[in-house]
Every structure is written in C-alpha cells, then in structure tokens.
C-alpha atoms as a PDB file:
ATOM      1  CA  MET A   1      75.099 117.609  55.753  1.00  0.00           C
ATOM      2  CA  ARG A   2      73.102 115.380  58.121  1.00  0.00           C
ATOM      3  CA  HIS A   3      74.056 114.914  61.739  1.00  0.00           C
ATOM      4  CA  GLN A   4      72.528 112.040  63.656  1.00  0.00           C
ATOM      5  CA  PHE A   5      72.649 111.037  67.297  1.00  0.00           C
ATOM      6  CA  VAL A   6      71.344 108.069  69.273  1.00  0.00           C
ATOM      7  CA  ASP A   7      68.214 108.501  71.353  1.00  0.00           C
ATOM      8  CA  ARG A   8      69.176 106.646  74.521  1.00  0.00           C
ATOM      9  CA  PRO A   9      65.785 105.290  75.681  1.00  0.00           C
ATOM     10  CA  SER A  10      64.908 103.783  72.293  1.00  0.00           C
ATOM     11  CA  GLY A  11      68.366 103.246  70.832  1.00  0.00           C
ATOM     12  CA  GLU A  12      67.115 104.779  67.575  1.00  0.00           C
ATOM     13  CA  LEU A  13      68.909 107.318  65.403  1.00  0.00           C
ATOM     14  CA  ARG A  14      67.573 110.878  65.290  1.00  0.00           C
ATOM     15  CA  ASP A  15      68.411 113.788  62.985  1.00  0.00           C
ATOM     16  CA  GLU A  16      69.514 117.020  64.633  1.00  0.00           C
ATOM     17  CA  THR A  17      68.217 120.370  63.419  1.00  0.00           C
ATOM     18  CA  PHE A  18      70.751 123.124  64.041  1.00  0.00           C
ATOM     19  CA  PHE A  19      69.890 126.707  64.938  1.00  0.00           C
ATOM     20  CA  GLY A  20      71.729 129.146  62.662  1.00  0.00           C
ATOM     21  CA  ASP A  21      73.503 126.275  60.915  1.00  0.00           C
ATOM     22  CA  ARG A  22      74.005 128.016  57.582  1.00  0.00           C
ATOM     23  CA  VAL A  23      75.508 131.056  59.259  1.00  0.00           C
ATOM     24  CA  VAL A  24      77.953 128.990  61.312  1.00  0.00           C
ATOM     25  CA  ARG A  25      79.014 126.969  58.282  1.00  0.00           C
ATOM     26  CA  LEU A  26      79.517 130.138  56.231  1.00  0.00           C
ATOM     27  CA  LEU A  27      81.505 131.922  58.929  1.00  0.00           C
ATOM     28  CA  TYR A  28      83.778 128.994  59.749  1.00  0.00           C
ATOM     29  CA  GLY A  29      84.300 128.227  56.092  1.00  0.00           C
ATOM     30  CA  ALA A  30      85.323 131.835  55.479  1.00  0.00           C
ATOM     31  CA  ALA A  31      87.536 131.844  58.562  1.00  0.00           C
ATOM     32  CA  ARG A  32      89.379 128.770  57.336  1.00  0.00           C
ATOM     33  CA  GLU A  33      90.023 130.418  53.981  1.00  0.00           C
ATOM     34  CA  ASP A  34      90.865 133.934  55.155  1.00  0.00           C
ATOM     35  CA  GLY A  35      93.063 133.091  58.112  1.00  0.00           C
ATOM     36  CA  SER A  36      93.473 133.842  61.777  1.00  0.00           C
ATOM     37  CA  LEU A  37      92.373 137.503  61.780  1.00  0.00           C
ATOM     38  CA  LEU A  38      88.791 136.655  60.837  1.00  0.00           C
ATOM     39  CA  MET A  39      88.775 133.717  63.246  1.00  0.00           C
ATOM     40  CA  ARG A  40      89.878 135.959  66.128  1.00  0.00           C
ATOM     41  CA  ALA A  41      87.152 138.471  65.282  1.00  0.00           C
ATOM     42  CA  LEU A  42      84.518 135.749  64.979  1.00  0.00           C
ATOM     43  CA  THR A  43      85.333 134.214  68.358  1.00  0.00           C
ATOM     44  CA  SER A  44      86.001 137.393  70.336  1.00  0.00           C
ATOM     45  CA  GLN A  45      84.153 137.923  73.619  1.00  0.00           C
ATOM     46  CA  ARG A  46      82.925 141.336  72.441  1.00  0.00           C
ATOM     47  CA  LEU A  47      81.259 139.937  69.314  1.00  0.00           C
ATOM     48  CA  SER A  48      79.887 136.982  71.264  1.00  0.00           C
ATOM     49  CA  LYS A  49      78.227 139.258  73.837  1.00  0.00           C
ATOM     50  CA  TRP A  50      76.813 141.495  71.093  1.00  0.00           C
ATOM     51  CA  LEU A  51      75.311 138.512  69.265  1.00  0.00           C
ATOM     52  CA  GLY A  52      73.978 137.204  72.568  1.00  0.00           C
ATOM     53  CA  TYR A  53      72.223 140.500  73.244  1.00  0.00           C
ATOM     54  CA  LEU A  54      70.616 140.525  69.791  1.00  0.00           C
ATOM     55  CA  ASN A  55      69.400 136.954  70.157  1.00  0.00           C
ATOM     56  CA  TYR A  56      68.351 136.866  73.807  1.00  0.00           C
ATOM     57  CA  ASP A  57      67.724 140.396  75.138  1.00  0.00           C
ATOM     58  CA  PHE A  58      66.984 142.739  72.235  1.00  0.00           C
ATOM     59  CA  PRO A  59      63.365 143.917  72.668  1.00  0.00           C
ATOM     60  CA  LEU A  60      62.137 142.674  69.280  1.00  0.00           C
ATOM     61  CA  ALA A  61      63.828 139.294  69.750  1.00  0.00           C
ATOM     62  CA  ALA A  62      62.354 139.073  73.231  1.00  0.00           C
ATOM     63  CA  LYS A  63      58.874 139.744  71.860  1.00  0.00           C
ATOM     64  CA  LEU A  64      59.256 137.033  69.209  1.00  0.00           C
ATOM     65  CA  THR A  65      60.888 134.371  71.390  1.00  0.00           C
ATOM     66  CA  GLY A  66      59.093 134.932  74.660  1.00  0.00           C
ATOM     67  CA  SER A  67      55.997 133.353  73.187  1.00  0.00           C
ATOM     68  CA  ARG A  68      54.325 130.010  73.672  1.00  0.00           C
ATOM     69  CA  ARG A  69      55.175 129.113  70.072  1.00  0.00           C
ATOM     70  CA  PHE A  70      58.902 129.443  70.811  1.00  0.00           C
ATOM     71  CA  THR A  71      58.752 127.215  73.901  1.00  0.00           C
ATOM     72  CA  GLU A  72      56.718 124.661  71.969  1.00  0.00           C
ATOM     73  CA  ARG A  73      59.223 124.734  69.107  1.00  0.00           C
ATOM     74  CA  LEU A  74      61.997 123.889  71.564  1.00  0.00           C
ATOM     75  CA  GLY A  75      59.939 121.047  73.004  1.00  0.00           C
ATOM     76  CA  ILE A  76      59.851 122.510  76.513  1.00  0.00           C
ATOM     77  CA  LEU A  77      57.416 120.677  78.775  1.00  0.00           C
ATOM     78  CA  ALA A  78      55.508 123.006  81.062  1.00  0.00           C
ATOM     79  CA  ASP A  79      55.105 120.406  83.796  1.00  0.00           C
ATOM     80  CA  GLU A  80      58.901 120.085  84.080  1.00  0.00           C
ATOM     81  CA  CYS A  81      59.443 123.778  84.770  1.00  0.00           C
ATOM     82  CA  VAL A  82      59.633 125.301  88.224  1.00  0.00           C
ATOM     83  CA  ASP A  83      58.195 128.536  86.811  1.00  0.00           C
ATOM     84  CA  ASP A  84      55.186 128.721  84.507  1.00  0.00           C
ATOM     85  CA  PRO A  85      56.483 129.078  80.907  1.00  0.00           C
ATOM     86  CA  SER A  86      53.753 131.661  80.261  1.00  0.00           C
ATOM     87  CA  THR A  87      55.788 134.040  82.451  1.00  0.00           C
ATOM     88  CA  PHE A  88      58.854 133.817  80.180  1.00  0.00           C
ATOM     89  CA  ARG A  89      59.370 137.167  78.464  1.00  0.00           C
ATOM     90  CA  SER A  90      62.575 136.565  76.503  1.00  0.00           C
ATOM     91  CA  ALA A  91      64.786 133.859  75.062  1.00  0.00           C
ATOM     92  CA  ARG A  92      67.047 134.353  78.066  1.00  0.00           C
ATOM     93  CA  ASP A  93      64.172 133.385  80.388  1.00  0.00           C
ATOM     94  CA  VAL A  94      63.606 130.241  78.331  1.00  0.00           C
ATOM     95  CA  PHE A  95      67.257 129.161  78.267  1.00  0.00           C
ATOM     96  CA  GLU A  96      67.823 129.902  81.958  1.00  0.00           C
ATOM     97  CA  ARG A  97      64.696 128.073  83.120  1.00  0.00           C
ATOM     98  CA  ARG A  98      64.748 125.842  86.181  1.00  0.00           C
ATOM     99  CA  ILE A  99      63.201 122.380  86.154  1.00  0.00           C
ATOM    100  CA  ARG A 100      61.824 120.019  88.773  1.00  0.00           C
ATOM    101  CA  TYR A 101      64.820 117.738  88.314  1.00  0.00           C
ATOM    102  CA  TRP A 102      64.078 115.828  91.505  1.00  0.00           C
ATOM    103  CA  ASP A 103      60.929 114.518  89.767  1.00  0.00           C
ATOM    104  CA  CYS A 104      61.649 114.584  86.032  1.00  0.00           C
ATOM    105  CA  ARG A 105      65.357 113.630  85.970  1.00  0.00           C
ATOM    106  CA  PRO A 106      65.663 110.514  88.179  1.00  0.00           C
ATOM    107  CA  MET A 107      69.105 109.452  89.408  1.00  0.00           C
ATOM    108  CA  ASP A 108      70.544 106.012  90.251  1.00  0.00           C
ATOM    109  CA  ALA A 109      70.828 105.672  94.020  1.00  0.00           C
ATOM    110  CA  ASP A 110      74.136 103.769  93.777  1.00  0.00           C
ATOM    111  CA  PRO A 111      76.762 106.227  95.114  1.00  0.00           C
ATOM    112  CA  SER A 112      79.426 104.790  92.763  1.00  0.00           C
ATOM    113  CA  VAL A 113      77.480 105.847  89.650  1.00  0.00           C
ATOM    114  CA  VAL A 114      78.758 108.889  87.737  1.00  0.00           C
ATOM    115  CA  VAL A 115      75.911 110.921  86.259  1.00  0.00           C
ATOM    116  CA  SER A 116      75.520 113.196  83.278  1.00  0.00           C
ATOM    117  CA  PRO A 117      76.171 116.845  84.201  1.00  0.00           C
ATOM    118  CA  ALA A 118      73.646 118.164  81.690  1.00  0.00           C
ATOM    119  CA  ASP A 119      70.820 117.543  79.284  1.00  0.00           C
ATOM    120  CA  ALA A 120      73.219 117.145  76.376  1.00  0.00           C
ATOM    121  CA  ARG A 121      74.635 115.024  73.560  1.00  0.00           C
ATOM    122  CA  MET A 122      77.559 112.948  74.829  1.00  0.00           C
ATOM    123  CA  LEU A 123      80.763 111.561  73.315  1.00  0.00           C
ATOM    124  CA  HIS A 124      83.428 109.727  75.318  1.00  0.00           C
ATOM    125  CA  GLY A 125      86.795 108.121  74.850  1.00  0.00           C
ATOM    126  CA  SER A 126      90.234 107.496  76.327  1.00  0.00           C
ATOM    127  CA  LEU A 127      93.300 109.704  76.356  1.00  0.00           C
ATOM    128  CA  HIS A 128      95.584 106.637  76.376  1.00  0.00           C
ATOM    129  CA  ASP A 129      93.885 104.567  73.664  1.00  0.00           C
ATOM    130  CA  SER A 130      95.665 105.220  70.352  1.00  0.00           C
ATOM    131  CA  PRO A 131      92.595 104.834  68.055  1.00  0.00           C
ATOM    132  CA  THR A 132      90.891 107.712  69.869  1.00  0.00           C
ATOM    133  CA  LEU A 133      93.880 110.050  70.146  1.00  0.00           C
ATOM    134  CA  ARG A 134      92.858 111.847  66.971  1.00  0.00           C
ATOM    135  CA  ILE A 135      89.416 112.356  68.522  1.00  0.00           C
ATOM    136  CA  LYS A 136      90.985 113.955  71.566  1.00  0.00           C
ATOM    137  CA  GLU A 137      93.322 116.109  69.502  1.00  0.00           C
ATOM    138  CA  ARG A 138      90.458 117.323  67.325  1.00  0.00           C
ATOM    139  CA  PHE A 139      88.265 118.389  70.232  1.00  0.00           C
ATOM    140  CA  PHE A 140      90.933 119.572  72.642  1.00  0.00           C
ATOM    141  CA  ASP A 141      94.581 119.591  73.538  1.00  0.00           C
ATOM    142  CA  PHE A 142      94.832 117.953  76.971  1.00  0.00           C
ATOM    143  CA  GLU A 143      97.418 120.304  78.485  1.00  0.00           C
ATOM    144  CA  GLU A 144      95.861 123.389  76.937  1.00  0.00           C
ATOM    145  CA  LEU A 145      92.389 122.374  78.120  1.00  0.00           C
ATOM    146  CA  LEU A 146      93.397 122.034  81.789  1.00  0.00           C
ATOM    147  CA  GLY A 147      95.967 124.830  81.715  1.00  0.00           C
ATOM    148  CA  ALA A 148      99.645 124.165  81.095  1.00  0.00           C
ATOM    149  CA  ASP A 149     100.600 125.517  84.539  1.00  0.00           C
ATOM    150  CA  ARG A 150      98.379 123.048  86.437  1.00  0.00           C
ATOM    151  CA  THR A 151     101.104 120.390  86.596  1.00  0.00           C
ATOM    152  CA  ARG A 152      99.600 118.445  89.505  1.00  0.00           C
ATOM    153  CA  TRP A 153      96.296 117.876  87.738  1.00  0.00           C
ATOM    154  CA  LEU A 154      97.994 117.242  84.398  1.00  0.00           C
ATOM    155  CA  HIS A 155     100.028 114.468  86.008  1.00  0.00           C
ATOM    156  CA  ARG A 156      97.070 112.875  87.775  1.00  0.00           C
ATOM    157  CA  LEU A 157      94.725 112.965  84.771  1.00  0.00           C
ATOM    158  CA  HIS A 158      97.272 112.122  82.059  1.00  0.00           C
ATOM    159  CA  GLY A 159      96.215 109.088  80.013  1.00  0.00           C
ATOM    160  CA  GLY A 160      92.771 108.965  81.594  1.00  0.00           C
ATOM    161  CA  ASP A 161      89.274 109.012  80.119  1.00  0.00           C
ATOM    162  CA  PHE A 162      87.052 111.847  78.952  1.00  0.00           C
ATOM    163  CA  ALA A 163      83.426 112.637  78.191  1.00  0.00           C
ATOM    164  CA  VAL A 164      82.211 115.632  76.166  1.00  0.00           C
ATOM    165  CA  PHE A 165      78.660 116.944  76.647  1.00  0.00           C
ATOM    166  CA  ARG A 166      77.352 119.304  73.965  1.00  0.00           C
ATOM    167  CA  LEU A 167      74.350 121.365  75.050  1.00  0.00           C
ATOM    168  CA  THR A 168      72.056 122.420  72.230  1.00  0.00           C
ATOM    169  CA  PRO A 169      69.871 125.571  72.376  1.00  0.00           C
ATOM    170  CA  ASP A 170      66.715 123.640  73.257  1.00  0.00           C
ATOM    171  CA  LYS A 171      68.329 122.007  76.287  1.00  0.00           C
ATOM    172  CA  TYR A 172      67.995 122.868  79.953  1.00  0.00           C
ATOM    173  CA  HIS A 173      71.093 124.984  80.600  1.00  0.00           C
ATOM    174  CA  TRP A 174      72.055 124.240  84.164  1.00  0.00           C
ATOM    175  CA  VAL A 175      75.110 122.078  84.850  1.00  0.00           C
ATOM    176  CA  HIS A 176      74.811 119.545  87.686  1.00  0.00           C
ATOM    177  CA  THR A 177      77.527 117.842  89.688  1.00  0.00           C
ATOM    178  CA  PRO A 178      78.421 114.494  88.048  1.00  0.00           C
ATOM    179  CA  VAL A 179      80.072 113.085  91.188  1.00  0.00           C
ATOM    180  CA  ALA A 180      80.161 113.517  94.942  1.00  0.00           C
ATOM    181  CA  GLY A 181      83.370 114.634  96.613  1.00  0.00           C
ATOM    182  CA  ARG A 182      85.472 117.497  97.887  1.00  0.00           C
ATOM    183  CA  VAL A 183      86.430 120.427  95.669  1.00  0.00           C
ATOM    184  CA  VAL A 184      90.237 120.738  95.658  1.00  0.00           C
ATOM    185  CA  ASP A 185      90.691 123.452  93.022  1.00  0.00           C
ATOM    186  CA  VAL A 186      88.646 126.010  91.067  1.00  0.00           C
ATOM    187  CA  TYR A 187      90.068 128.267  88.380  1.00  0.00           C
ATOM    188  CA  ALA A 188      89.342 129.962  85.060  1.00  0.00           C
ATOM    189  CA  VAL A 189      91.290 129.765  81.799  1.00  0.00           C
ATOM    190  CA  ASP A 190      90.980 132.598  79.302  1.00  0.00           C
ATOM    191  CA  GLY A 191      90.119 132.023  75.654  1.00  0.00           C
ATOM    192  CA  GLY A 192      87.698 132.772  72.831  1.00  0.00           C
ATOM    193  CA  CYS A 193      84.065 131.898  72.124  1.00  0.00           C
ATOM    194  CA  HIS A 194      83.850 129.270  69.378  1.00  0.00           C
ATOM    195  CA  SER A 195      80.476 127.834  68.415  1.00  0.00           C
ATOM    196  CA  CYS A 196      79.614 124.328  69.706  1.00  0.00           C
ATOM    197  CA  ASN A 197      78.071 123.365  66.351  1.00  0.00           C
ATOM    198  CA  PRO A 198      79.924 120.250  65.075  1.00  0.00           C
ATOM    199  CA  VAL A 199      80.961 122.254  62.003  1.00  0.00           C
ATOM    200  CA  ALA A 200      83.006 124.490  64.275  1.00  0.00           C
ATOM    201  CA  ALA A 201      84.534 121.555  66.161  1.00  0.00           C
ATOM    202  CA  VAL A 202      85.645 119.981  62.906  1.00  0.00           C
ATOM    203  CA  ALA A 203      86.834 123.263  61.371  1.00  0.00           C
ATOM    204  CA  GLU A 204      88.868 124.466  64.338  1.00  0.00           C
ATOM    205  CA  VAL A 205      91.233 121.833  65.751  1.00  0.00           C
ATOM    206  CA  GLY A 206      91.151 121.823  69.564  1.00  0.00           C
ATOM    207  CA  ALA A 207      88.290 124.330  69.726  1.00  0.00           C
ATOM    208  CA  LEU A 208      87.234 123.362  73.254  1.00  0.00           C
ATOM    209  CA  SER A 209      90.680 124.030  74.689  1.00  0.00           C
ATOM    210  CA  LYS A 210      90.808 127.421  72.939  1.00  0.00           C
ATOM    211  CA  ASN A 211      87.551 128.702  74.445  1.00  0.00           C
ATOM    212  CA  ARG A 212      87.225 130.505  77.754  1.00  0.00           C
ATOM    213  CA  ARG A 213      86.417 127.943  80.436  1.00  0.00           C
ATOM    214  CA  GLU A 214      86.042 127.298  84.148  1.00  0.00           C
ATOM    215  CA  VAL A 215      87.597 124.238  85.764  1.00  0.00           C
ATOM    216  CA  THR A 216      86.516 122.502  88.969  1.00  0.00           C
ATOM    217  CA  ILE A 217      88.673 119.652  90.312  1.00  0.00           C
ATOM    218  CA  ILE A 218      86.808 117.222  92.613  1.00  0.00           C
ATOM    219  CA  ASP A 219      88.435 114.518  94.753  1.00  0.00           C
ATOM    220  CA  THR A 220      85.903 111.689  94.960  1.00  0.00           C
ATOM    221  CA  ASP A 221      88.083 109.390  97.090  1.00  0.00           C
ATOM    222  CA  VAL A 222      86.779 110.926 100.295  1.00  0.00           C
ATOM    223  CA  GLU A 223      84.110 109.935 102.765  1.00  0.00           C
ATOM    224  CA  GLY A 224      80.759 110.175 100.990  1.00  0.00           C
ATOM    225  CA  GLY A 225      82.463 110.445  97.606  1.00  0.00           C
ATOM    226  CA  THR A 226      81.745 108.574  94.386  1.00  0.00           C
ATOM    227  CA  GLY A 227      85.093 106.769  94.454  1.00  0.00           C
ATOM    228  CA  VAL A 228      86.292 107.422  90.896  1.00  0.00           C
ATOM    229  CA  GLY A 229      89.428 109.318  91.850  1.00  0.00           C
ATOM    230  CA  LEU A 230      90.088 112.837  90.689  1.00  0.00           C
ATOM    231  CA  VAL A 231      87.525 114.350  88.305  1.00  0.00           C
ATOM    232  CA  ALA A 232      87.877 117.585  86.350  1.00  0.00           C
ATOM    233  CA  VAL A 233      84.614 119.327  85.450  1.00  0.00           C
ATOM    234  CA  ILE A 234      85.351 121.829  82.668  1.00  0.00           C
ATOM    235  CA  GLU A 235      82.609 124.242  81.602  1.00  0.00           C
ATOM    236  CA  VAL A 236      83.371 125.772  78.222  1.00  0.00           C
ATOM    237  CA  VAL A 237      81.784 128.965  76.912  1.00  0.00           C
ATOM    238  CA  ALA A 238      80.640 129.235  73.312  1.00  0.00           C
ATOM    239  CA  LEU A 239      79.396 131.749  70.770  1.00  0.00           C
ATOM    240  CA  MET A 240      76.777 134.025  72.401  1.00  0.00           C
ATOM    241  CA  ILE A 241      77.460 132.735  75.930  1.00  0.00           C
ATOM    242  CA  GLY A 242      77.707 135.731  78.250  1.00  0.00           C
ATOM    243  CA  ALA A 243      79.008 133.984  81.356  1.00  0.00           C
ATOM    244  CA  ILE A 244      79.145 130.869  83.479  1.00  0.00           C
ATOM    245  CA  GLU A 245      77.744 131.488  86.947  1.00  0.00           C
ATOM    246  CA  GLN A 246      78.578 129.072  89.766  1.00  0.00           C
ATOM    247  CA  ARG A 247      75.444 128.458  91.857  1.00  0.00           C
ATOM    248  CA  TYR A 248      75.774 125.210  93.797  1.00  0.00           C
ATOM    249  CA  SER A 249      72.638 124.218  95.726  1.00  0.00           C
ATOM    250  CA  ALA A 250      72.414 121.170  97.967  1.00  0.00           C
ATOM    251  CA  THR A 251      68.582 121.230  97.884  1.00  0.00           C
ATOM    252  CA  GLY A 252      66.575 122.232  94.826  1.00  0.00           C
ATOM    253  CA  TYR A 253      67.846 125.618  93.692  1.00  0.00           C
ATOM    254  CA  ASP A 254      67.816 126.963  97.251  1.00  0.00           C
ATOM    255  CA  ALA A 255      70.598 128.971  98.877  1.00  0.00           C
ATOM    256  CA  PRO A 256      72.966 128.944  95.885  1.00  0.00           C
ATOM    257  CA  ARG A 257      76.638 129.423  96.684  1.00  0.00           C
ATOM    258  CA  PRO A 258      79.847 129.678  94.672  1.00  0.00           C
ATOM    259  CA  ILE A 259      82.000 126.611  94.151  1.00  0.00           C
ATOM    260  CA  GLU A 260      84.979 126.962  96.479  1.00  0.00           C
ATOM    261  CA  THR A 261      87.958 124.869  97.525  1.00  0.00           C
ATOM    262  CA  GLY A 262      87.025 122.614 100.433  1.00  0.00           C
ATOM    263  CA  LEU A 263      83.309 122.460  99.577  1.00  0.00           C
ATOM    264  CA  HIS A 264      81.779 118.961  99.643  1.00  0.00           C
ATOM    265  CA  VAL A 265      79.370 118.515  96.747  1.00  0.00           C
ATOM    266  CA  GLU A 266      76.737 115.824  96.259  1.00  0.00           C
ATOM    267  CA  ARG A 267      75.921 114.105  92.968  1.00  0.00           C
ATOM    268  CA  GLY A 268      73.242 115.512  90.689  1.00  0.00           C
ATOM    269  CA  ARG A 269      72.896 118.926  92.332  1.00  0.00           C
ATOM    270  CA  PRO A 270      72.743 122.217  90.402  1.00  0.00           C
ATOM    271  CA  LYS A 271      76.299 123.519  90.101  1.00  0.00           C
ATOM    272  CA  SER A 272      76.300 126.316  87.528  1.00  0.00           C
ATOM    273  CA  ILE A 273      74.385 127.882  84.682  1.00  0.00           C
ATOM    274  CA  PHE A 274      75.386 128.945  81.181  1.00  0.00           C
ATOM    275  CA  LYS A 275      74.001 132.435  80.539  1.00  0.00           C
ATOM    276  CA  PRO A 276      72.512 131.803  77.995  1.00  0.00           C
ATOM    277  CA  GLY A 277      72.689 129.879  74.703  1.00  0.00           C
ATOM    278  CA  SER A 278      74.426 126.546  74.270  1.00  0.00           C
ATOM    279  CA  SER A 279      77.826 125.289  75.229  1.00  0.00           C
ATOM    280  CA  THR A 280      79.891 122.283  76.318  1.00  0.00           C
ATOM    281  CA  VAL A 281      80.991 120.447  79.458  1.00  0.00           C
ATOM    282  CA  VAL A 282      84.063 118.195  79.466  1.00  0.00           C
ATOM    283  CA  LEU A 283      84.746 115.621  82.188  1.00  0.00           C
ATOM    284  CA  LEU A 284      88.245 114.209  82.671  1.00  0.00           C
ATOM    285  CA  PHE A 285      88.891 111.088  84.775  1.00  0.00           C
ATOM    286  CA  GLU A 286      91.999 109.375  86.055  1.00  0.00           C
ATOM    287  CA  ARG A 287      93.055 106.324  84.080  1.00  0.00           C
ATOM    288  CA  GLY A 288      91.197 103.144  84.957  1.00  0.00           C
ATOM    289  CA  ARG A 289      88.819 104.723  87.468  1.00  0.00           C
ATOM    290  CA  ILE A 290      85.563 104.763  85.478  1.00  0.00           C
ATOM    291  CA  ARG A 291      83.793 102.147  83.384  1.00  0.00           C
ATOM    292  CA  PHE A 292      81.380 103.782  80.959  1.00  0.00           C
ATOM    293  CA  ASP A 293      77.969 102.195  80.490  1.00  0.00           C
ATOM    294  CA  ASP A 294      77.847  99.441  77.844  1.00  0.00           C
ATOM    295  CA  ASP A 295      75.173 101.112  75.735  1.00  0.00           C
ATOM    296  CA  LEU A 296      77.226 104.301  75.499  1.00  0.00           C
ATOM    297  CA  ASP A 297      80.269 102.308  74.349  1.00  0.00           C
ATOM    298  CA  ALA A 298      78.129 100.729  71.630  1.00  0.00           C
ATOM    299  CA  ASN A 299      76.485 103.985  70.576  1.00  0.00           C
ATOM    300  CA  VAL A 300      79.697 105.930  70.013  1.00  0.00           C
ATOM    301  CA  ALA A 301      80.602 103.520  67.197  1.00  0.00           C
ATOM    302  CA  HIS A 302      77.084 103.136  65.772  1.00  0.00           C
ATOM    303  CA  PRO A 303      77.625 101.653  62.286  1.00  0.00           C
ATOM    304  CA  ARG A 304      74.703 103.349  60.518  1.00  0.00           C
ATOM    305  CA  ALA A 305      74.792 106.886  61.893  1.00  0.00           C
ATOM    306  CA  ARG A 306      75.679 109.844  59.682  1.00  0.00           C
ATOM    307  CA  SER A 307      77.674 112.113  61.975  1.00  0.00           C
ATOM    308  CA  ARG A 308      79.476 115.329  61.119  1.00  0.00           C
ATOM    309  CA  PHE A 309      82.153 114.274  63.568  1.00  0.00           C
ATOM    310  CA  THR A 310      82.650 110.992  61.692  1.00  0.00           C
ATOM    311  CA  VAL A 311      82.937 112.826  58.393  1.00  0.00           C
ATOM    312  CA  GLY A 312      85.286 115.488  59.696  1.00  0.00           C
ATOM    313  CA  ILE A 313      87.659 113.628  62.000  1.00  0.00           C
ATOM    314  CA  ASP A 314      89.792 111.291  59.860  1.00  0.00           C
ATOM    315  CA  GLY A 315      86.887 108.923  59.303  1.00  0.00           C
ATOM    316  CA  ALA A 316      86.768 107.934  62.969  1.00  0.00           C
ATOM    317  CA  ARG A 317      83.421 106.527  64.076  1.00  0.00           C
ATOM    318  CA  LEU A 318      82.008 109.149  66.429  1.00  0.00           C
ATOM    319  CA  VAL A 319      78.318 109.238  67.310  1.00  0.00           C
ATOM    320  CA  GLU A 320      76.697 111.138  70.185  1.00  0.00           C
ATOM    321  CA  THR A 321      74.087 109.821  72.609  1.00  0.00           C
ATOM    322  CA  ASP A 322      71.316 112.132  73.776  1.00  0.00           C
ATOM    323  CA  MET A 323      71.512 112.245  77.591  1.00  0.00           C
ATOM    324  CA  ASN A 324      69.363 113.490  80.427  1.00  0.00           C
ATOM    325  CA  VAL A 325      71.023 115.324  83.277  1.00  0.00           C
ATOM    326  CA  ARG A 326      71.590 112.975  86.263  1.00  0.00           C
ATOM    327  CA  ALA A 327      71.352 109.844  84.067  1.00  0.00           C
ATOM    328  CA  SER A 328      74.084 107.246  84.569  1.00  0.00           C
ATOM    329  CA  ILE A 329      77.140 107.452  82.293  1.00  0.00           C
ATOM    330  CA  GLY A 330      79.295 104.904  84.147  1.00  0.00           C
ATOM    331  CA  ARG A 331      80.503 103.748  87.527  1.00  0.00           C
ATOM    332  CA  ALA A 332      83.601 103.423  89.651  1.00  0.00           C
ATOM    333  CA  ARG A 333      85.988 100.610  88.779  1.00  0.00           C
ATOM    334  CA  ARG A 334      87.160  99.286  92.109  1.00  0.00           C
ATOM    335  CA  GLY A 335      90.710  97.975  92.350  1.00  0.00           C
ATOM    336  CA  HIS A 336      91.652  98.917  88.756  1.00  0.00           C
ATOM    337  CA  HIS A 337      93.522 102.165  89.231  1.00  0.00           C
ATOM    338  CA  ASP A 338      96.381 101.290  86.902  1.00  0.00           C
ATOM    339  CA  ASP A 339      94.833  99.308  84.038  1.00  0.00           C
END
C-alpha cells in the first residue's frame, strides 16, 4: 500500500519507504484479530526497550549500522552534523545526532510565527470543525491525550486546533520549541508504545493518546512571547523509543537544562530528544489563535495523493507535508480569540 506525502519546497508528491513495514503490518493485523492481550504485549514498555536494544545497541547491529553506508542510506548530510558522521559507532549515535540548525534550518524572524518542532511529516486540523472530528478521534482522544485530570488545560484548549508531527527513522530526532513563552506546566502521562507507522495509527483508534507521553504547557501571551495563547507541546513515545529527555538549550546545544515551570523558552531552540528511533509530537492550540500557512492547508487535502491515512480514516482526505524543524507552520491571529 503506497503512502505519499508532499515535499514542501517543490510541492511535489513523494513516496515514503517504511522501515520494518511488513513486520508492523503483520503485528498490527494479528493484534486486531487476536484481541487486546496481544496488543498489550506488542506495545509494552519492556518489549519496546528490548527491540530498541536489538536495533540500536546490540553489538552486531551497531557494527552494521554505524557505517557510512547506513548514514548515506538515511540521507544524512555530513555538513549538517555538529559531529563528524565517521565517528558514529551505532544506530543510536546516528539517531541522536546534533545538527548545525542555526545554519541549516533557518527560521522566520517574525516573533508571531509558530515553527515546526521537528524534522517531520505534518498533519493539522481543528478540534471544533465537524469534518475533521473523525481525524481527531482516529489519532487521539482529546481528554485522554492531555490527561483527564488536567481540567484547566482541557477547558482552555477545548475546540482549538492541532498539528501532528510524525518523525521517521531517517529524521533528526531532537524536538525544538515551536513558540516563545513561559512554561506553566510540565507532566507525564503513562501509556504504551505503539508504532508511529500509519498502519498502526489506522489500526489502533486513538493510538497517540494511548502511548506514554510528556506534556509541556506554554503561555505565549507574555512579554517576548509568540502571542498565540496557550500551547500544549506533547511528545509521544513509540515502539523502540527508550525515553524522552528534556534538554532545553538557549544557545546551540550548550548548558542543557530540564523544562521546568516558570522557565521562559525561545522559539526554535532544542527542547528534548527522543532516545532513539522515531516518534510523534502533537501541538494543541486555543481556538482561533493560530492561522496555519496556506500551502499546508492546501497540501492536507491534496487531490492526487495516495495516503494510508486517507484510505484508513473514513475516506477523509489526509496528506502529510514534509517539514524542516524551525520552518513556519502558521502565525498568531490577532484579535480573533473567539472565532
């Protein structure tokens, strides 16, 4: 089954090649047929860590993947990396690489622009717009995603907008701050470790809100903030993800520190790292506070794309756009808080 996305610079459709696609399709197909016991085993943290070790740290795997051929296969550009790729000794080194983002991932200087938190494939929509409700319900349950006990944030973000960023194994695996503002809450929500392959998203309703995740709530309506209201940054683990480490750095990757309540963060700075593999970031916005870029609105309903999401989610038109970290995804809508 083909899965296409839109290449943002050219606007052209590209085919995605999935790592371990047959295995994921087999496992999720079996889990659907055999019930919840197999699904719980498949998505358990213990199995996920074991698979992660075999793929990223096991000596034989390290010997095979720590080679120049592996980095070339992933399309990693040596001149983007902070460290020389020839020093990488394992798949973990490759996936946790640092890049010279200040040079190779330019950012719009307009402080009202919201930027992509990752090198990733992006989908977006509205929680209040009825044609996209089935999209939201397929990817995540709103209350479950944020945590049913977080009533203040549930109230503020109810009926707002969302963006989902799916990191693939070849991508740079640091998450950057999409907005500037003051951190008002940080917490973790327990869960499993579903794959981020579209097959898994389609097979398991609400998969993102069932995975273990870390939530950062940022108030951008402060001095020096982006001005898009309250923003939830939700980092979701996936199959073979060992951990999410919070490492905010105001300059380069220097002096990393944990994300804490009261911390003022700037746009486009390293915030955290998935260790290792591929996973997903979800952004939630208050209603009427962000206007997504026009090309992204057009891409998500691309009429010619063959998308696994389109096939699997009630025929809804759903096409991802390939994004660079720190690239614009939208901007603050001034004076439209209630539309």
